Amino acid sequence: MEKIIRFGVSMDSKLLNMFDRHIHKKGYTNRSEAIRDIIRDHLVSQEWMNADSETIGTITLVYDHEKGDISERLIESQHHYCDNIISSIHVHLDKHNCLEVLVVRGKANKIQEISDHLISNRGVKHGKLTMTTTGKKLV
């Protein structure tokens, strides 16, 4: 186990009160764990800034499957990127709308390319790339 190091942080009392309210709403039991998560989140963001770093994430798409040939185009695109798309789930939201969640892995720039390509398809109502990490570099 890594050695735990204690350090102090100085900040304005209003900012600290806002932080305390926020972490309480999120369910944190102490400031230390909240600060560790904030640091990890920042490090993951930095990882994604390096285009060649190995990353993982999800691409979420919402679309009306009856509009044009959107379903076929999305499936064709997914086959084109099959080396990076490691899993997918398809959910029927209602009579017309579908939710597709793709788990993607690869170099950050390639994952961004795949996300941009899928989300920009005519007929996609909403799309979002959620970036995370393989966890190898985090403690």
Protein backbone atom coordinates (compact mmCIF):
# COMPACT_ATOMS: atom_id res chain seq x y z
CA MET A 1 0.00 0.00 0.00
CA GLU A 2 1.17 3.50 -0.80
CA LYS A 3 2.19 5.80 2.01
CA ILE A 4 -0.52 8.33 2.95
CA ILE A 5 0.72 11.92 3.11
CA ARG A 6 -1.24 14.62 4.89
CA PHE A 7 -1.11 18.21 3.69
CA GLY A 8 -3.02 21.40 4.37
CA VAL A 9 -5.07 23.47 1.97
CA SER A 10 -6.01 27.10 2.52
CA MET A 11 -9.14 28.58 0.95
CA ASP A 12 -11.82 31.17 1.39
CA SER A 13 -14.49 30.12 3.91
CA LYS A 14 -17.33 30.68 1.40
CA LEU A 15 -15.62 28.43 -1.13
CA LEU A 16 -15.07 25.76 1.53
CA ASN A 17 -18.74 25.94 2.59
CA MET A 18 -19.82 25.52 -1.04
CA PHE A 19 -17.46 22.58 -1.40
CA ASP A 20 -18.74 20.96 1.79
CA ARG A 21 -22.36 21.28 0.62
CA HIS A 22 -21.44 19.82 -2.75
CA ILE A 23 -19.59 16.81 -1.37
CA HIS A 24 -22.35 16.19 1.17
CA LYS A 25 -24.92 16.05 -1.69
CA LYS A 26 -22.65 13.63 -3.54
CA GLY A 27 -22.41 11.38 -0.49
CA TYR A 28 -18.76 11.82 0.43
CA THR A 29 -18.01 11.13 4.08
CA ASN A 30 -14.93 13.35 4.14
CA ARG A 31 -13.10 16.03 2.19
CA SER A 32 -10.07 13.85 1.53
CA GLU A 33 -11.92 11.36 -0.65
CA ALA A 34 -13.64 14.18 -2.55
CA ILE A 35 -10.31 15.90 -3.22
CA ARG A 36 -8.75 12.59 -4.34
CA ASP A 37 -11.60 12.12 -6.83
CA ILE A 38 -11.20 15.67 -8.15
CA ILE A 39 -7.48 15.06 -8.67
CA ARG A 40 -8.15 11.72 -10.40
CA ASP A 41 -10.71 13.36 -12.68
CA HIS A 42 -8.19 16.03 -13.64
CA LEU A 43 -5.51 13.39 -14.33
CA VAL A 44 -7.93 11.45 -16.56
CA SER A 45 -8.66 14.66 -18.50
CA GLN A 46 -4.92 15.18 -18.97
CA GLU A 47 -4.58 11.59 -20.18
CA TRP A 48 -7.12 12.32 -22.91
CA MET A 49 -5.18 15.43 -23.98
CA ASN A 50 -2.33 13.12 -25.04
CA ALA A 51 -3.57 11.89 -28.42
CA ASP A 52 -1.47 8.72 -28.22
CA SER A 53 -2.52 7.57 -24.75
CA GLU A 54 -4.53 4.35 -24.42
CA THR A 55 -8.01 5.35 -23.26
CA ILE A 56 -11.46 3.93 -22.74
CA GLY A 57 -14.89 5.50 -22.76
CA THR A 58 -18.49 5.31 -23.86
CA ILE A 59 -20.33 6.89 -26.74
CA THR A 60 -24.03 7.37 -26.09
CA LEU A 61 -26.41 7.99 -28.99
CA VAL A 62 -30.14 8.71 -29.06
CA TYR A 63 -31.87 8.51 -32.43
CA ASP A 64 -35.21 7.86 -34.14
CA HIS A 65 -34.71 4.53 -35.90
CA GLU A 66 -37.49 5.36 -38.40
CA LYS A 67 -35.71 8.43 -39.79
CA GLY A 68 -34.05 7.50 -43.05
CA ASP A 69 -31.41 4.82 -42.92
CA ILE A 70 -29.86 5.91 -39.58
CA SER A 71 -29.84 2.39 -38.09
CA GLU A 72 -28.01 0.95 -41.09
CA ARG A 73 -25.50 3.81 -41.20
CA LEU A 74 -24.71 3.46 -37.50
CA ILE A 75 -24.25 -0.31 -37.80
CA GLU A 76 -22.01 0.13 -40.84
CA SER A 77 -19.89 2.69 -38.98
CA GLN A 78 -19.60 0.38 -35.98
CA HIS A 79 -18.34 -2.43 -38.20
CA HIS A 80 -15.79 -0.02 -39.68
CA TYR A 81 -14.45 0.71 -36.18
CA CYS A 82 -14.79 -2.84 -34.80
CA ASP A 83 -11.19 -2.82 -33.52
CA ASN A 84 -12.09 0.02 -31.13
CA ILE A 85 -15.72 -0.76 -30.26
CA ILE A 86 -15.53 -3.53 -27.69
CA SER A 87 -19.18 -3.73 -26.69
CA SER A 88 -22.56 -2.16 -27.39
CA ILE A 89 -26.03 -2.11 -25.93
CA HIS A 90 -29.19 -1.14 -27.77
CA VAL A 91 -32.31 -0.03 -25.88
CA HIS A 92 -35.74 0.72 -27.34
CA LEU A 93 -36.85 3.88 -25.53
CA ASP A 94 -40.27 4.04 -27.12
CA LYS A 95 -41.97 3.26 -30.43
CA HIS A 96 -39.51 5.47 -32.36
CA ASN A 97 -36.46 6.34 -30.28
CA CYS A 98 -33.46 4.16 -29.52
CA LEU A 99 -30.51 4.52 -27.17
CA GLU A 100 -27.20 3.02 -28.17
CA VAL A 101 -24.23 2.88 -25.80
CA LEU A 102 -20.87 1.85 -27.22
CA VAL A 103 -17.87 0.97 -25.08
CA VAL A 104 -14.76 2.11 -26.93
CA ARG A 105 -11.05 1.62 -26.34
CA GLY A 106 -7.99 2.92 -28.12
CA LYS A 107 -5.82 5.96 -28.65
CA ALA A 108 -7.53 9.16 -27.50
CA ASN A 109 -7.47 10.76 -30.95
CA LYS A 110 -9.01 7.65 -32.56
CA ILE A 111 -11.80 7.46 -29.97
CA GLN A 112 -12.56 11.16 -30.52
CA GLU A 113 -12.66 10.52 -34.29
CA ILE A 114 -15.13 7.63 -33.84
CA SER A 115 -17.30 9.70 -31.51
CA ASP A 116 -17.38 12.67 -33.87
CA HIS A 117 -18.22 10.43 -36.82
CA LEU A 118 -21.11 8.67 -35.05
CA ILE A 119 -22.60 11.73 -33.34
CA SER A 120 -22.54 13.81 -36.54
CA ASN A 121 -24.71 11.29 -38.40
CA ARG A 122 -27.91 12.84 -39.73
CA GLY A 123 -30.70 11.50 -37.54
CA VAL A 124 -28.78 11.33 -34.27
CA LYS A 125 -30.78 13.49 -31.85
CA HIS A 126 -28.15 13.54 -29.12
CA GLY A 127 -24.74 12.04 -28.64
CA LYS A 128 -22.06 12.24 -26.00
CA LEU A 129 -18.58 10.89 -25.49
CA THR A 130 -17.78 10.08 -21.88
CA MET A 131 -14.06 9.74 -21.39
CA THR A 132 -12.47 7.69 -18.66
CA THR A 133 -9.27 5.78 -18.09
CA THR A 134 -8.03 2.23 -18.19
CA GLY A 135 -6.95 2.86 -14.59
CA LYS A 136 -3.35 1.80 -15.15
CA LYS A 137 -1.93 5.18 -14.20
CA LEU A 138 -4.21 5.92 -11.23
CA VAL A 139 -3.79 4.92 -7.61
